[in-house]
């Protein structure tokens, strides 16, 4: 698979997303500890839900950047590139809204 890079990376957004992902990593480790410690199932499920929402938040930020920069660059390029980006966006939307 061809390795692609993001277009117009915003250093502040990247820093914020990395910080959020590190917090999420800590939350996942906390859930692992809860399971190891035989914590109450409902408490574990609540923490899993919190991790899901945190990941969705990062996903929304990445999607926003992708549409603003990567997709815009592709759409203003060749017609074939625009069609390929259109298909990619639809595919991402179907996967992202699950």
Protein backbone atom coordinates (compact mmCIF):
# COMPACT_ATOMS: atom_id res chain seq x y z
CA UNK A 1 0.00 0.00 0.00
CA UNK A 2 1.24 3.47 -0.90
CA UNK A 3 2.25 5.49 2.17
CA UNK A 4 0.49 8.86 2.17
CA UNK A 5 0.99 11.93 4.35
CA UNK A 6 -1.53 14.44 5.67
CA UNK A 7 -1.76 17.80 3.95
CA UNK A 8 -1.20 21.03 5.96
CA UNK A 9 -0.71 19.45 9.39
CA UNK A 10 -1.72 21.86 12.16
CA UNK A 11 0.92 21.54 14.89
CA UNK A 12 -1.53 22.60 17.61
CA UNK A 13 -4.18 20.09 16.55
CA UNK A 14 -1.54 17.37 16.32
CA UNK A 15 -0.31 18.18 19.84
CA UNK A 16 -3.88 18.15 21.21
CA UNK A 17 -4.73 14.86 19.50
CA UNK A 18 -1.56 13.22 20.78
CA UNK A 19 -2.33 14.41 24.33
CA UNK A 20 -5.88 13.04 24.04
CA UNK A 21 -4.59 9.72 22.72
CA UNK A 22 -2.14 9.44 25.62
CA UNK A 23 -5.01 10.05 28.08
CA UNK A 24 -7.05 7.39 26.28
CA UNK A 25 -4.11 5.00 26.53
CA UNK A 26 -4.11 5.59 30.29
CA UNK A 27 -7.86 4.99 30.45
CA UNK A 28 -7.44 1.67 28.63
CA UNK A 29 -4.73 0.63 31.07
CA UNK A 30 -7.12 1.56 33.88
CA UNK A 31 -9.81 -0.65 32.38
CA UNK A 32 -7.32 -3.50 32.13
CA UNK A 33 -6.55 -3.07 35.84
CA UNK A 34 -10.27 -3.01 36.64
CA UNK A 35 -10.72 -6.35 34.86
CA UNK A 36 -7.66 -7.81 36.62
CA UNK A 37 -9.11 -6.65 39.96
CA UNK A 38 -12.54 -8.18 39.21
CA UNK A 39 -14.26 -4.80 39.41
CA UNK A 40 -18.03 -4.57 39.01
CA UNK A 41 -19.07 -5.15 35.38
CA UNK A 42 -21.17 -1.99 35.12
CA UNK A 43 -18.21 0.13 36.25
CA UNK A 44 -16.00 -1.46 33.59
CA UNK A 45 -18.65 -0.88 30.93
CA UNK A 46 -18.95 2.79 31.89
CA UNK A 47 -15.20 3.23 31.47
CA UNK A 48 -15.27 1.42 28.11
CA UNK A 49 -18.01 3.80 26.99
CA UNK A 50 -15.88 6.78 28.04
CA UNK A 51 -12.96 5.46 25.96
CA UNK A 52 -15.23 4.99 22.94
CA UNK A 53 -16.44 8.58 23.19
CA UNK A 54 -12.90 9.92 23.63
CA UNK A 55 -11.78 8.03 20.50
CA UNK A 56 -14.79 9.35 18.58
CA UNK A 57 -13.71 12.86 19.58
CA UNK A 58 -10.23 12.33 18.17
CA UNK A 59 -11.80 10.79 15.07
CA UNK A 60 -13.98 13.87 14.55
CA UNK A 61 -10.94 16.13 14.73
CA UNK A 62 -9.00 14.00 12.26
CA UNK A 63 -12.02 13.85 9.94
CA UNK A 64 -12.40 17.64 10.12
CA UNK A 65 -8.75 18.08 9.13
CA UNK A 66 -9.05 15.50 6.36
CA UNK A 67 -12.04 17.25 4.83
CA UNK A 68 -10.56 20.74 5.20
CA UNK A 69 -7.13 19.98 3.82
CA UNK A 70 -6.53 16.55 2.31
CA UNK A 71 -9.90 16.23 0.58
CA UNK A 72 -9.89 19.84 -0.62
CA UNK A 73 -6.45 19.40 -2.19
CA UNK A 74 -7.57 16.22 -3.96
CA UNK A 75 -10.86 17.73 -5.12
CA UNK A 76 -9.11 20.70 -6.71
CA UNK A 77 -6.65 18.44 -8.54
CA UNK A 78 -7.50 16.11 -11.39
CA UNK A 79 -10.98 14.81 -12.09
CA UNK A 80 -9.79 11.25 -11.37
CA UNK A 81 -8.33 12.44 -8.05
CA UNK A 82 -11.59 14.17 -7.17
CA UNK A 83 -13.60 11.02 -7.89
CA UNK A 84 -11.20 8.90 -5.86
CA UNK A 85 -11.48 11.32 -2.93
CA UNK A 86 -15.26 11.33 -3.19
CA UNK A 87 -15.25 7.53 -2.91
CA UNK A 88 -12.79 7.68 -0.01
CA UNK A 89 -14.94 10.20 1.89
CA UNK A 90 -18.05 8.06 1.46
CA UNK A 91 -16.19 4.99 2.67
CA UNK A 92 -14.85 6.88 5.69
CA UNK A 93 -18.29 8.20 6.55
CA UNK A 94 -19.80 4.72 6.47
CA UNK A 95 -17.03 3.40 8.72
CA UNK A 96 -16.95 6.43 11.02
CA UNK A 97 -20.66 6.55 11.83
CA UNK A 98 -20.89 2.95 13.01
